[in-house]
Amino acid sequence: MAGGGEGGGAALPPKQDELQPHPVKDQLTSISYCATSPPPWPEAILLGFQHYLVMLGTTVLIPTSLVPQMGGGNEEKAKMIQTLLFVSGLNTLLQSFFGTRLPAVIGASYSYVPTTLSIILAARYNDILDPQEKFERIMRGIQGALIVASLLQIVVGFSGLWRNVVRLLSPLSAVPLVALAGFGLYELGFPLLAKCIEIGLPEIILLLIFSQYIPHLMRGERDVFHRFAVISSVIIVWIYAYLLTIGGTYKHAGTNTQTSCRTDRSGIISGTPWIRVSYPFQWGAPTFHAGEAFAMMAISFVSLVESTGTYIAVSRFASATPPPPSVLSRGIGWQGVGVLLCGLFGAGNGASVSVENAGLLALTRVGSRRVVQISAGFMIFFSILGKFGAVFASIPAPIFAALYCLFFAYVGAGGLSLLQFCNLNSFRTKFILGFSVFMGLSIPQYFNEYTAINKYGPVHTKARWFNDMINVPFSSEAFVSGMLAFFLDVTLSSKDIATRKDRGVFWWDRFMSFKSDTRSEEFYSLPFNLNKYFPSL
């Protein structure tokens, strides 16, 4: 060893360059395949199927919780899942070809669930006795609200208005937004996993072993394990859960335990037809209610803000440059088209960027656009061949919750990685960062606790739609922290060079236009030379 011999002499002090901090990187260099570099076809197909498998969790959980309250049974639940899958496939293809062009999966969003529940519980549906009629009437009401709400994202995105807002976004104000887009979904992690601990815990342990420990201990082809850790662990635990089910382990268990643990209690397989193609207005003509439309528009804005943070995380995990404001605005516009398709087809829920699939990009270290497009093909294929898709949709929810524990953590850490552009020795940075994150956790906790105790939110008037417009946005951690950090960063900023450096603006200046950096132009330019026809988008 340098500086020491057998006599045990003192070691030489470290070299000066060893004391330097890690260099700032606007792109991750450890990604195996970036957005524009697809893996070989066999590997791409397996990775695409893995993305499909991950997005199934949200696609199944939302209809499972909503359909029984709408008066529907297993057949209606299966049709809603098929519709969500079909529309998600279309939206993912549109986003990857014409939107941000990032490898982002567009799927069902939890942000829309509270307002959807308010429509379900509306008094005008209470007198309907026939369950089938009640389900269809409620679905048509949800359709109308989604169609109107989609116009907000379409106008804000395609008009370039969101581009002007995002231009003011700095790495400092993006940190709370992106971080809590992942960390803020903690309720869907271990609490859901613990509903069947004997299934959820083995899944998260196996996932950690396959994705982290085996690659760490092995030499050679280590990528195989973390790249396909989801498929490997899910198959093993799914078989284990099936053996517990047929072995009679839950024969005398409570209803909640059987629903969470058994592999034969979803009712999806029996209620799904062999072949079914979703089509617009399949439940009838949409109905419109002004108050509910305004409430859904407010949630559409919340989803817009949350999705902006997730797009930034996806760009990091795809080893792309930070998305220019015009690209983010374009993506929001096409996301609005996605919400419109959800309304037209009667998906029963709005669409946004899938946070769990963004985390999967980090786990596999494959950010290829082609992989996500292949996953969209799986969504459309299995939405039509219902019985085959229903088999995968019957995976118990705690298995998905175990996956979320890693994926949401990756997205949250992706937000924290933006701190490398900021000056953490500045008290201004510490205040904006600390205050926005703390309030982003504290305010939603107050709203959620108040609602859990009183069965209604802090804002409680006779107009349910007005209550939703206030209560639901303030229940979103990413929305509260992101908007607060953005407001503080803009209003407490100055034009001096020191403040701009503290905010990290200098690092993002060259990405304000995708034409100012050849890498950005490669990642975000529209196909078929469409940029010359839509220069502002």
Protein backbone atom coordinates (compact mmCIF):
# COMPACT_ATOMS: atom_id res chain seq x y z
CA MET A 1 0.00 0.00 0.00
CA ALA A 2 1.19 3.51 -0.72
CA GLY A 3 2.53 5.36 2.29
CA GLY A 4 2.89 2.33 4.55
CA GLY A 5 5.10 -0.67 4.92
CA GLU A 6 5.64 -3.43 7.39
CA GLY A 7 6.64 -0.85 9.98
CA GLY A 8 3.10 0.54 10.03
CA GLY A 9 4.01 4.04 8.89
CA ALA A 10 1.34 6.71 8.60
CA ALA A 11 -0.68 6.69 5.35
CA LEU A 12 -0.23 9.54 2.92
CA PRO A 13 -3.05 12.11 2.90
CA PRO A 14 -5.57 11.65 0.09
CA LYS A 15 -4.95 13.42 -3.19
CA GLN A 16 -6.71 16.71 -3.79
CA ASP A 17 -8.92 15.34 -6.59
CA GLU A 18 -10.13 12.57 -4.26
CA LEU A 19 -11.57 15.24 -1.97
CA GLN A 20 -13.67 16.79 -4.73
CA PRO A 21 -17.44 16.11 -4.70
CA HIS A 22 -19.02 13.95 -7.35
CA PRO A 23 -19.42 15.77 -10.67
CA VAL A 24 -22.84 17.03 -11.70
CA LYS A 25 -24.46 14.94 -14.45
CA ASP A 26 -27.46 16.07 -16.46
CA GLN A 27 -27.77 12.49 -17.76
CA LEU A 28 -27.34 9.19 -15.92
CA THR A 29 -24.46 7.23 -17.41
CA SER A 30 -25.24 3.84 -15.88
CA ILE A 31 -28.36 3.28 -18.01
CA SER A 32 -28.00 0.26 -20.29
CA TYR A 33 -30.42 1.49 -22.98
CA CYS A 34 -31.55 5.11 -23.24
CA ALA A 35 -34.76 6.39 -24.84
CA THR A 36 -33.46 6.11 -28.40
CA SER A 37 -31.43 2.89 -28.07
CA PRO A 38 -33.64 -0.22 -28.03
CA PRO A 39 -32.42 -3.57 -26.65
CA PRO A 40 -32.53 -6.72 -28.82
CA TRP A 41 -36.07 -7.77 -29.78
CA PRO A 42 -36.38 -10.85 -27.46
CA GLU A 43 -35.21 -8.82 -24.49
CA ALA A 44 -37.39 -5.85 -25.47
CA ILE A 45 -40.49 -8.06 -25.63
CA LEU A 46 -39.84 -9.48 -22.15
CA LEU A 47 -39.20 -6.02 -20.74
CA GLY A 48 -42.36 -4.73 -22.42
CA PHE A 49 -44.38 -7.54 -20.83
CA GLN A 50 -42.84 -6.59 -17.48
CA HIS A 51 -44.09 -3.02 -17.87
CA TYR A 52 -47.54 -4.38 -18.70
CA LEU A 53 -47.44 -6.56 -15.59
CA VAL A 54 -46.53 -3.60 -13.37
CA MET A 55 -49.25 -1.27 -14.67
CA LEU A 56 -51.87 -3.98 -14.07
CA GLY A 57 -51.82 -3.24 -10.34
CA THR A 58 -53.42 0.20 -10.61
CA THR A 59 -55.59 -0.91 -13.53
CA VAL A 60 -57.16 -3.64 -11.38
CA LEU A 61 -57.22 -1.91 -7.98
CA ILE A 62 -59.21 1.14 -9.12
CA PRO A 63 -62.12 -0.76 -10.77
CA THR A 64 -62.12 -3.25 -7.86
CA SER A 65 -62.82 -0.42 -5.43
CA LEU A 66 -65.20 1.62 -7.62
CA VAL A 67 -67.40 -0.87 -9.49
CA PRO A 68 -69.17 -2.42 -6.43
CA GLN A 69 -70.16 1.08 -5.28
CA MET A 70 -71.55 1.79 -8.74
CA GLY A 71 -73.85 -1.24 -8.56
CA GLY A 72 -71.78 -3.38 -10.90
CA GLY A 73 -70.65 -6.98 -10.48
CA ASN A 74 -67.75 -9.06 -11.74
CA GLU A 75 -68.78 -8.68 -15.35
CA GLU A 76 -68.87 -4.88 -15.16
CA LYS A 77 -65.57 -4.86 -13.30
CA ALA A 78 -63.94 -6.99 -15.98
CA LYS A 79 -65.27 -4.71 -18.75
CA MET A 80 -63.98 -1.62 -16.97
CA ILE A 81 -60.53 -3.22 -16.60
CA GLN A 82 -60.52 -4.16 -20.27
CA THR A 83 -61.48 -0.62 -21.26
CA LEU A 84 -58.79 0.89 -19.03
CA LEU A 85 -56.20 -1.44 -20.56
CA PHE A 86 -57.27 -0.62 -24.11
CA VAL A 87 -57.25 3.14 -23.55
CA SER A 88 -53.95 2.98 -21.64
CA GLY A 89 -52.36 1.21 -24.59
CA LEU A 90 -53.59 3.88 -27.00
CA ASN A 91 -52.49 6.72 -24.71
CA THR A 92 -49.04 5.22 -24.19
CA LEU A 93 -48.51 4.95 -27.95
CA LEU A 94 -49.69 8.53 -28.51
CA GLN A 95 -47.40 9.83 -25.77
CA SER A 96 -44.35 7.93 -27.03
CA PHE A 97 -44.84 8.99 -30.66
CA PHE A 98 -46.26 12.53 -30.41
CA GLY A 99 -46.13 13.63 -26.74
CA THR A 100 -42.96 13.96 -24.72
CA ARG A 101 -41.55 10.94 -26.64
CA LEU A 102 -40.24 9.65 -23.31
CA PRO A 103 -40.70 5.98 -22.31
CA ALA A 104 -43.66 6.87 -20.09
CA VAL A 105 -46.59 4.52 -19.56
CA ILE A 106 -49.92 6.37 -19.41
CA GLY A 107 -52.36 4.51 -17.18
CA ALA A 108 -55.15 4.91 -14.66
CA SER A 109 -54.56 7.62 -12.04
CA TYR A 110 -55.45 7.57 -8.34
CA SER A 111 -55.81 11.37 -8.45
CA TYR A 112 -59.22 11.05 -10.10
CA VAL A 113 -60.62 8.49 -7.65
CA PRO A 114 -61.97 10.87 -4.92
CA THR A 115 -63.94 12.96 -7.41
CA THR A 116 -65.15 9.83 -9.17
CA LEU A 117 -66.42 8.58 -5.81
CA SER A 118 -68.31 11.85 -5.32
CA ILE A 119 -70.08 11.30 -8.64
CA ILE A 120 -70.89 7.72 -7.61
CA LEU A 121 -72.41 8.95 -4.33
CA ALA A 122 -74.45 11.73 -5.95
CA ALA A 123 -78.04 11.84 -4.68
CA ARG A 124 -79.58 11.64 -8.15
CA TYR A 125 -78.53 7.98 -8.44
CA ASN A 126 -79.99 6.84 -5.10
CA ASP A 127 -83.46 6.10 -6.44
CA ILE A 128 -82.26 3.76 -9.20
CA LEU A 129 -83.06 0.20 -8.08
CA ASP A 130 -81.75 -1.82 -11.03
CA PRO A 131 -77.98 -2.36 -10.45
CA GLN A 132 -77.19 -2.56 -14.17
CA GLU A 133 -79.03 0.67 -14.91
CA LYS A 134 -77.40 2.38 -11.94
CA PHE A 135 -73.93 1.33 -13.10
CA GLU A 136 -74.50 2.61 -16.63
CA ARG A 137 -76.04 5.91 -15.48
CA ILE A 138 -73.12 6.58 -13.12
CA MET A 139 -70.61 5.64 -15.80
CA ARG A 140 -72.20 8.09 -18.22
CA GLY A 141 -71.94 10.81 -15.58
CA ILE A 142 -68.24 10.04 -15.06
CA GLN A 143 -67.75 10.10 -18.84
CA GLY A 144 -69.23 13.58 -19.12
CA ALA A 145 -67.06 14.95 -16.32
CA LEU A 146 -63.89 13.45 -17.84
CA ILE A 147 -64.66 14.82 -21.31
CA VAL A 148 -65.00 18.36 -19.94
CA ALA A 149 -61.95 17.96 -17.66
CA SER A 150 -59.80 16.84 -20.58
CA LEU A 151 -60.24 20.21 -22.23
CA LEU A 152 -58.20 21.87 -19.47
CA GLN A 153 -55.07 19.82 -20.19
CA ILE A 154 -55.59 20.01 -23.96
CA VAL A 155 -55.88 23.82 -23.94
CA VAL A 156 -53.14 24.42 -21.35
CA GLY A 157 -50.78 22.01 -23.10
CA PHE A 158 -51.28 22.71 -26.80
CA SER A 159 -51.67 26.48 -26.38
CA GLY A 160 -48.18 26.65 -24.87
CA LEU A 161 -49.47 28.10 -21.59
CA TRP A 162 -47.89 25.31 -19.56
CA ARG A 163 -44.64 25.88 -21.44
CA ASN A 164 -44.54 29.45 -20.09
CA VAL A 165 -45.13 28.20 -16.55
CA VAL A 166 -42.50 25.46 -16.72
CA ARG A 167 -39.90 27.97 -17.94
CA LEU A 168 -39.92 29.34 -14.39
CA LEU A 169 -39.31 25.89 -12.91
CA SER A 170 -35.81 25.45 -11.49
CA PRO A 171 -34.06 22.31 -10.21
CA LEU A 172 -34.70 23.56 -6.68
CA SER A 173 -38.48 23.87 -7.11
CA ALA A 174 -38.57 20.59 -9.07
CA VAL A 175 -37.05 18.59 -6.18
CA PRO A 176 -40.15 18.55 -3.91
CA LEU A 177 -42.46 18.02 -6.89
CA VAL A 178 -40.61 14.99 -8.26
CA ALA A 179 -39.63 13.56 -4.87
CA LEU A 180 -43.15 13.55 -3.45
CA ALA A 181 -44.58 12.26 -6.72
CA GLY A 182 -42.93 9.04 -5.52
CA PHE A 183 -42.65 9.30 -1.73
CA GLY A 184 -46.16 10.76 -1.46
CA LEU A 185 -47.69 7.42 -2.53
CA TYR A 186 -46.46 5.62 0.59
CA GLU A 187 -50.01 4.53 1.48
CA LEU A 188 -49.99 2.21 -1.54
CA GLY A 189 -46.77 0.57 -0.34
CA PHE A 190 -46.37 -1.27 2.94
CA PRO A 191 -49.90 -0.59 4.28
CA LEU A 192 -51.36 -2.40 1.26
CA LEU A 193 -48.63 -5.06 1.42
CA ALA A 194 -49.44 -5.76 5.07
CA LYS A 195 -53.03 -6.74 4.22
CA CYS A 196 -51.52 -10.14 3.36
CA ILE A 197 -48.09 -10.14 4.94
CA GLU A 198 -47.39 -13.80 4.15
CA ILE A 199 -47.52 -12.94 0.42
CA GLY A 200 -46.34 -9.34 0.33
CA LEU A 201 -43.25 -9.83 2.50
CA PRO A 202 -41.78 -12.73 0.45
CA GLU A 203 -42.35 -10.69 -2.70
CA ILE A 204 -40.41 -7.66 -1.50
CA ILE A 205 -37.62 -9.86 -0.10
CA LEU A 206 -37.26 -11.79 -3.36
CA LEU A 207 -37.38 -8.57 -5.36
CA LEU A 208 -34.54 -7.14 -3.28
CA ILE A 209 -32.50 -10.32 -3.62
CA PHE A 210 -32.94 -10.57 -7.40
CA SER A 211 -32.48 -6.87 -8.16
CA GLN A 212 -29.87 -5.79 -5.62
CA TYR A 213 -27.98 -8.59 -3.89
CA ILE A 214 -27.43 -11.17 -6.66
CA PRO A 215 -26.06 -8.55 -9.12
CA HIS A 216 -23.86 -7.23 -6.30
CA LEU A 217 -22.41 -10.66 -5.49
CA MET A 218 -22.05 -12.00 -9.03
CA ARG A 219 -19.66 -11.30 -11.86
CA GLY A 220 -20.40 -11.46 -15.53
CA GLU A 221 -24.01 -11.32 -16.73
CA ARG A 222 -25.39 -9.49 -13.73
CA ASP A 223 -27.86 -7.38 -15.71
CA VAL A 224 -30.18 -10.35 -16.22
CA PHE A 225 -31.16 -10.48 -12.57
CA HIS A 226 -32.09 -6.85 -11.90
CA ARG A 227 -33.51 -6.46 -15.40
CA PHE A 228 -36.03 -9.31 -14.99
CA ALA A 229 -36.37 -9.26 -11.21
CA VAL A 230 -40.07 -8.36 -11.39
CA ILE A 231 -41.08 -11.29 -13.61
CA SER A 232 -38.97 -13.76 -11.62
CA SER A 233 -40.19 -12.71 -8.17
CA VAL A 234 -43.86 -12.28 -9.17
CA ILE A 235 -44.05 -15.76 -10.73
CA ILE A 236 -42.50 -17.42 -7.68
CA VAL A 237 -44.73 -15.63 -5.14
CA TRP A 238 -47.82 -15.98 -7.33
CA ILE A 239 -47.34 -19.77 -7.43
CA TYR A 240 -46.76 -19.71 -3.67
CA ALA A 241 -50.01 -17.75 -3.16
CA TYR A 242 -51.85 -20.22 -5.39
CA LEU A 243 -50.57 -23.16 -3.34
CA LEU A 244 -51.72 -21.45 -0.14
CA THR A 245 -55.13 -20.91 -1.71
CA ILE A 246 -55.74 -24.47 -2.90
CA GLY A 247 -54.19 -25.82 0.31
CA GLY A 248 -57.06 -24.32 2.33
CA THR A 249 -54.93 -21.83 4.29
CA TYR A 250 -57.60 -19.13 4.03
CA LYS A 251 -60.63 -21.40 4.23
CA HIS A 252 -61.81 -19.98 7.56
CA ALA A 253 -60.19 -16.54 7.27
CA GLY A 254 -62.13 -13.28 7.27
CA THR A 255 -63.53 -11.67 4.15
CA ASN A 256 -60.82 -9.00 3.91
CA THR A 257 -58.04 -11.57 4.27
CA GLN A 258 -59.53 -13.82 1.61
CA THR A 259 -59.94 -10.90 -0.78
CA SER A 260 -56.34 -9.79 -0.30
CA CYS A 261 -54.63 -13.19 -0.20
CA ARG A 262 -56.54 -15.68 -2.32
CA THR A 263 -55.83 -15.97 -6.04
CA ASP A 264 -59.42 -16.97 -6.89
CA ARG A 265 -61.44 -14.21 -5.24
CA SER A 266 -61.11 -11.38 -7.75
CA GLY A 267 -63.95 -12.69 -9.93
CA ILE A 268 -62.22 -11.22 -12.97
CA ILE A 269 -61.61 -14.46 -14.85
CA SER A 270 -65.22 -15.63 -14.59
CA GLY A 271 -66.60 -12.21 -15.50
CA THR A 272 -64.37 -11.58 -18.51
CA PRO A 273 -65.52 -12.59 -22.02
CA TRP A 274 -63.08 -14.40 -24.29
CA ILE A 275 -62.98 -11.64 -26.89
CA ARG A 276 -64.23 -8.08 -26.48
CA VAL A 277 -63.26 -4.85 -28.20
CA SER A 278 -63.91 -1.62 -26.29
CA TYR A 279 -65.57 1.16 -28.27
CA PRO A 280 -66.67 4.76 -27.65
CA PHE A 281 -69.94 5.36 -25.78
CA GLN A 282 -70.29 1.67 -24.94
CA TRP A 283 -72.33 2.61 -21.84
CA GLY A 284 -74.51 5.11 -23.69
CA ALA A 285 -74.39 8.86 -24.31
CA PRO A 286 -72.45 10.82 -21.66
CA THR A 287 -74.35 13.07 -19.27
CA PHE A 288 -73.03 16.38 -18.02
CA HIS A 289 -73.30 18.05 -14.64
CA ALA A 290 -71.70 21.48 -14.32
CA GLY A 291 -70.52 21.12 -10.71
CA GLU A 292 -69.00 17.70 -11.26
CA ALA A 293 -67.27 18.94 -14.41
CA PHE A 294 -65.65 21.80 -12.47
CA ALA A 295 -64.55 19.40 -9.73
CA MET A 296 -63.03 17.03 -12.29
CA MET A 297 -61.26 19.95 -13.96
CA ALA A 298 -59.64 20.84 -10.63
CA ILE A 299 -58.38 17.26 -10.30
CA SER A 300 -57.22 17.39 -13.91
CA PHE A 301 -55.01 20.32 -12.94
CA VAL A 302 -53.65 18.37 -9.95
CA SER A 303 -52.86 15.46 -12.27
CA LEU A 304 -51.20 17.87 -14.69
CA VAL A 305 -48.83 19.13 -11.97
CA GLU A 306 -48.07 15.62 -10.66
CA SER A 307 -47.42 14.33 -14.17
CA THR A 308 -44.92 17.12 -14.83
CA GLY A 309 -42.84 15.84 -11.93
CA THR A 310 -43.09 12.25 -13.12
CA TYR A 311 -42.03 13.20 -16.66
CA ILE A 312 -38.89 14.76 -15.20
CA ALA A 313 -38.17 11.54 -13.29
CA VAL A 314 -38.73 9.46 -16.44
CA SER A 315 -36.28 11.64 -18.36
CA ARG A 316 -33.62 10.96 -15.71
CA PHE A 317 -34.15 7.19 -15.79
CA ALA A 318 -34.20 7.17 -19.60
CA SER A 319 -30.81 8.94 -19.61
CA ALA A 320 -32.37 11.79 -21.56
CA THR A 321 -31.63 15.45 -21.09
CA PRO A 322 -34.06 17.46 -18.91
CA PRO A 323 -37.25 17.87 -20.99
CA PRO A 324 -37.58 21.39 -22.45
CA PRO A 325 -40.71 23.36 -21.42
CA SER A 326 -42.20 23.04 -24.91
CA VAL A 327 -41.87 19.26 -24.73
CA LEU A 328 -43.52 19.08 -21.30
CA SER A 329 -46.35 21.30 -22.57
CA ARG A 330 -46.76 19.06 -25.61
CA GLY A 331 -46.87 16.00 -23.38
CA ILE A 332 -49.56 17.57 -21.17
CA GLY A 333 -51.62 18.33 -24.27
CA TRP A 334 -51.50 14.70 -25.40
CA GLN A 335 -52.21 13.58 -21.86
CA GLY A 336 -55.37 15.66 -22.10
CA VAL A 337 -56.22 13.74 -25.28
CA GLY A 338 -55.73 10.61 -23.17
CA VAL A 339 -58.25 11.82 -20.59
CA LEU A 340 -60.64 12.61 -23.45
CA LEU A 341 -60.29 9.03 -24.71
CA CYS A 342 -61.02 7.78 -21.19
CA GLY A 343 -64.22 9.81 -21.26
CA LEU A 344 -65.26 8.73 -24.73
CA PHE A 345 -64.61 5.02 -24.16
CA GLY A 346 -66.05 5.01 -20.62
CA ALA A 347 -62.92 3.91 -18.75
CA GLY A 348 -64.37 5.22 -15.48
CA ASN A 349 -61.15 6.99 -14.52
CA GLY A 350 -58.70 9.57 -15.84
CA ALA A 351 -55.21 8.92 -17.17
CA SER A 352 -51.77 10.19 -16.19
CA VAL A 353 -48.15 9.05 -16.17
CA SER A 354 -47.69 5.80 -14.27
CA VAL A 355 -45.31 6.43 -11.36
CA GLU A 356 -44.70 2.72 -10.81
CA ASN A 357 -43.59 2.24 -14.40
CA ALA A 358 -41.24 5.20 -14.04
CA GLY A 359 -39.67 3.39 -11.09
CA LEU A 360 -39.38 0.22 -13.17
CA LEU A 361 -37.17 2.13 -15.62
CA ALA A 362 -34.73 2.74 -12.77
CA LEU A 363 -34.84 -0.86 -11.55
CA THR A 364 -34.15 -2.36 -14.98
CA ARG A 365 -31.89 0.49 -16.14
CA VAL A 366 -33.60 0.26 -19.50
CA GLY A 367 -35.21 3.52 -20.61
CA SER A 368 -35.96 2.48 -24.17
CA ARG A 369 -38.93 4.00 -25.94
CA ARG A 370 -39.45 0.80 -27.92
CA VAL A 371 -39.91 -1.27 -24.75
CA VAL A 372 -42.78 0.96 -23.60
CA GLN A 373 -44.38 0.82 -27.05
CA ILE A 374 -44.24 -2.97 -26.89
CA SER A 375 -45.90 -2.83 -23.46
CA ALA A 376 -48.69 -0.74 -25.03
CA GLY A 377 -49.14 -3.55 -27.56
CA PHE A 378 -49.56 -6.02 -24.70
CA MET A 379 -52.18 -3.75 -23.10
CA ILE A 380 -54.26 -3.59 -26.27
CA PHE A 381 -53.79 -7.31 -27.03
CA PHE A 382 -54.86 -8.52 -23.57
CA SER A 383 -57.74 -6.02 -23.42
CA ILE A 384 -59.21 -7.74 -26.48
CA LEU A 385 -58.40 -11.36 -25.52
CA GLY A 386 -59.99 -10.93 -22.13
CA LYS A 387 -59.58 -14.38 -20.57
CA PHE A 388 -55.82 -14.37 -21.05
CA GLY A 389 -55.45 -10.88 -19.60
CA ALA A 390 -57.75 -11.75 -16.70
CA VAL A 391 -55.33 -14.46 -15.56
CA PHE A 392 -52.60 -11.87 -14.95
CA ALA A 393 -55.10 -9.40 -13.52
CA SER A 394 -55.95 -11.89 -10.76
CA ILE A 395 -52.53 -11.45 -9.10
CA PRO A 396 -53.18 -10.50 -5.42
CA ALA A 397 -52.82 -6.79 -4.64
CA PRO A 398 -50.13 -7.23 -1.91
CA ILE A 399 -47.75 -8.52 -4.59
CA PHE A 400 -48.17 -5.27 -6.52
CA ALA A 401 -47.79 -3.30 -3.28
CA ALA A 402 -44.41 -4.94 -2.70
CA LEU A 403 -43.32 -3.78 -6.16
CA TYR A 404 -44.52 -0.27 -5.38
CA CYS A 405 -42.24 -0.09 -2.34
CA LEU A 406 -39.24 -0.11 -4.67
CA PHE A 407 -40.68 1.77 -7.62
CA PHE A 408 -42.06 4.74 -5.68
CA ALA A 409 -38.79 4.92 -3.74
CA TYR A 410 -36.83 5.12 -7.00
CA VAL A 411 -38.99 7.98 -8.30
CA GLY A 412 -38.64 9.85 -5.00
CA ALA A 413 -34.87 9.39 -5.11
CA GLY A 414 -34.92 10.64 -8.70
CA GLY A 415 -36.33 13.90 -7.36
CA LEU A 416 -33.65 14.11 -4.68
CA SER A 417 -30.98 13.64 -7.35
CA LEU A 418 -31.86 17.09 -8.73
CA LEU A 419 -30.28 18.56 -5.60
CA GLN A 420 -26.90 18.10 -7.30
CA PHE A 421 -27.69 21.22 -9.35
CA CYS A 422 -28.48 23.33 -6.26
CA ASN A 423 -26.38 25.02 -3.59
CA LEU A 424 -27.20 23.14 -0.39
CA ASN A 425 -25.06 25.57 1.63
CA SER A 426 -27.51 28.38 0.95
CA PHE A 427 -30.07 29.18 3.66
CA ARG A 428 -32.53 30.21 0.92
CA THR A 429 -32.24 26.72 -0.57
CA LYS A 430 -32.65 25.08 2.84
CA PHE A 431 -35.78 27.11 3.61
CA ILE A 432 -37.56 26.50 0.30
CA LEU A 433 -36.66 22.83 0.24
CA GLY A 434 -37.41 22.07 3.89
CA PHE A 435 -40.59 24.14 4.19
CA SER A 436 -42.17 22.89 0.96
CA VAL A 437 -41.44 19.22 1.73
CA PHE A 438 -42.64 19.49 5.33
CA MET A 439 -45.85 21.30 4.40
CA GLY A 440 -46.32 18.96 1.45
CA LEU A 441 -46.50 16.10 3.93
CA SER A 442 -48.25 17.92 6.78
CA ILE A 443 -51.15 19.59 4.93
CA PRO A 444 -52.36 16.41 3.13
CA GLN A 445 -52.02 14.49 6.39
CA TYR A 446 -54.40 16.98 8.04
CA PHE A 447 -56.92 16.76 5.19
CA ASN A 448 -56.77 12.95 5.10
CA GLU A 449 -57.09 12.54 8.89
CA TYR A 450 -59.99 15.00 9.02
CA THR A 451 -61.76 13.12 6.24
CA ALA A 452 -61.16 9.73 7.87
CA ILE A 453 -62.62 10.87 11.20
CA ASN A 454 -65.54 13.01 10.01
CA LYS A 455 -66.32 11.25 6.71
CA TYR A 456 -66.00 14.60 4.94
CA GLY A 457 -63.18 17.06 4.34
CA PRO A 458 -62.34 20.32 6.16
CA VAL A 459 -64.22 22.25 3.45
CA HIS A 460 -67.77 21.01 3.91
CA THR A 461 -70.63 22.78 2.14
CA LYS A 462 -73.85 21.60 0.55
CA ALA A 463 -72.13 21.62 -2.85
CA ARG A 464 -70.16 18.37 -2.99
CA TRP A 465 -68.39 19.45 -6.19
CA PHE A 466 -67.08 22.61 -4.50
CA ASN A 467 -65.80 20.56 -1.57
CA ASP A 468 -63.89 18.33 -3.96
CA MET A 469 -62.33 21.31 -5.73
CA ILE A 470 -60.65 22.31 -2.44
CA ASN A 471 -60.24 19.11 -0.43
CA VAL A 472 -58.84 16.80 -3.10
CA PRO A 473 -55.99 19.05 -4.36
CA PHE A 474 -54.83 19.70 -0.79
CA SER A 475 -54.77 15.95 -0.18
CA SER A 476 -52.02 15.46 -2.79
CA GLU A 477 -48.49 15.59 -1.37
CA ALA A 478 -46.83 16.19 -4.75
CA PHE A 479 -49.25 18.97 -5.68
CA VAL A 480 -48.97 20.86 -2.37
CA SER A 481 -45.19 20.61 -2.10
CA GLY A 482 -44.59 21.30 -5.79
CA MET A 483 -46.82 24.37 -5.97
CA LEU A 484 -45.46 25.76 -2.69
CA ALA A 485 -41.83 25.26 -3.75
CA PHE A 486 -42.57 26.83 -7.15
CA PHE A 487 -44.25 29.87 -5.56
CA LEU A 488 -41.48 30.43 -3.01
CA ASP A 489 -38.72 29.92 -5.53
CA VAL A 490 -40.21 32.42 -7.99
CA THR A 491 -41.26 35.09 -5.48
CA LEU A 492 -38.07 34.93 -3.40
CA SER A 493 -35.74 34.94 -6.40
CA SER A 494 -33.59 37.76 -7.70
CA LYS A 495 -31.73 38.30 -10.93
CA ASP A 496 -28.25 38.25 -9.43
CA ILE A 497 -25.91 35.49 -10.55
CA ALA A 498 -25.48 34.00 -7.08
CA THR A 499 -29.19 33.30 -6.66
CA ARG A 500 -29.44 31.77 -10.12
CA LYS A 501 -26.55 29.47 -9.28
CA ASP A 502 -28.16 28.52 -5.96
CA ARG A 503 -31.39 27.57 -7.76
CA GLY A 504 -29.50 25.53 -10.36
CA VAL A 505 -30.97 27.54 -13.23
CA PHE A 506 -27.64 27.71 -15.05
CA TRP A 507 -27.64 23.94 -15.49
CA TRP A 508 -31.10 23.97 -17.15
CA ASP A 509 -30.69 27.11 -19.28
CA ARG A 510 -29.36 25.20 -22.27
CA PHE A 511 -32.39 22.88 -22.19
CA MET A 512 -35.00 25.61 -22.47
CA SER A 513 -35.28 24.73 -26.17
CA PHE A 514 -34.70 21.27 -27.58
CA LYS A 515 -32.90 22.87 -30.57
CA SER A 516 -30.22 24.41 -28.33
CA ASP A 517 -28.73 21.02 -27.49
CA THR A 518 -28.21 18.28 -30.06
CA ARG A 519 -29.00 15.58 -27.48
CA SER A 520 -32.39 17.12 -26.68
CA GLU A 521 -33.24 17.36 -30.35
CA GLU A 522 -32.42 13.67 -30.72
CA PHE A 523 -34.65 12.66 -27.79
CA TYR A 524 -37.65 14.95 -28.21
CA SER A 525 -38.08 15.80 -31.91
CA LEU A 526 -41.36 14.63 -33.38
CA PRO A 527 -41.30 11.77 -35.90
CA PHE A 528 -42.07 12.14 -39.60
CA ASN A 529 -40.47 15.63 -39.58
CA LEU A 530 -43.57 17.09 -37.90
CA ASN A 531 -41.55 19.73 -36.04
CA LYS A 532 -41.50 22.00 -39.08
CA TYR A 533 -45.32 22.05 -39.01
CA PHE A 534 -45.56 22.52 -35.24
CA PRO A 535 -42.49 24.61 -34.34
CA SER A 536 -43.97 25.85 -31.06
CA LEU A 537 -44.68 22.32 -29.85
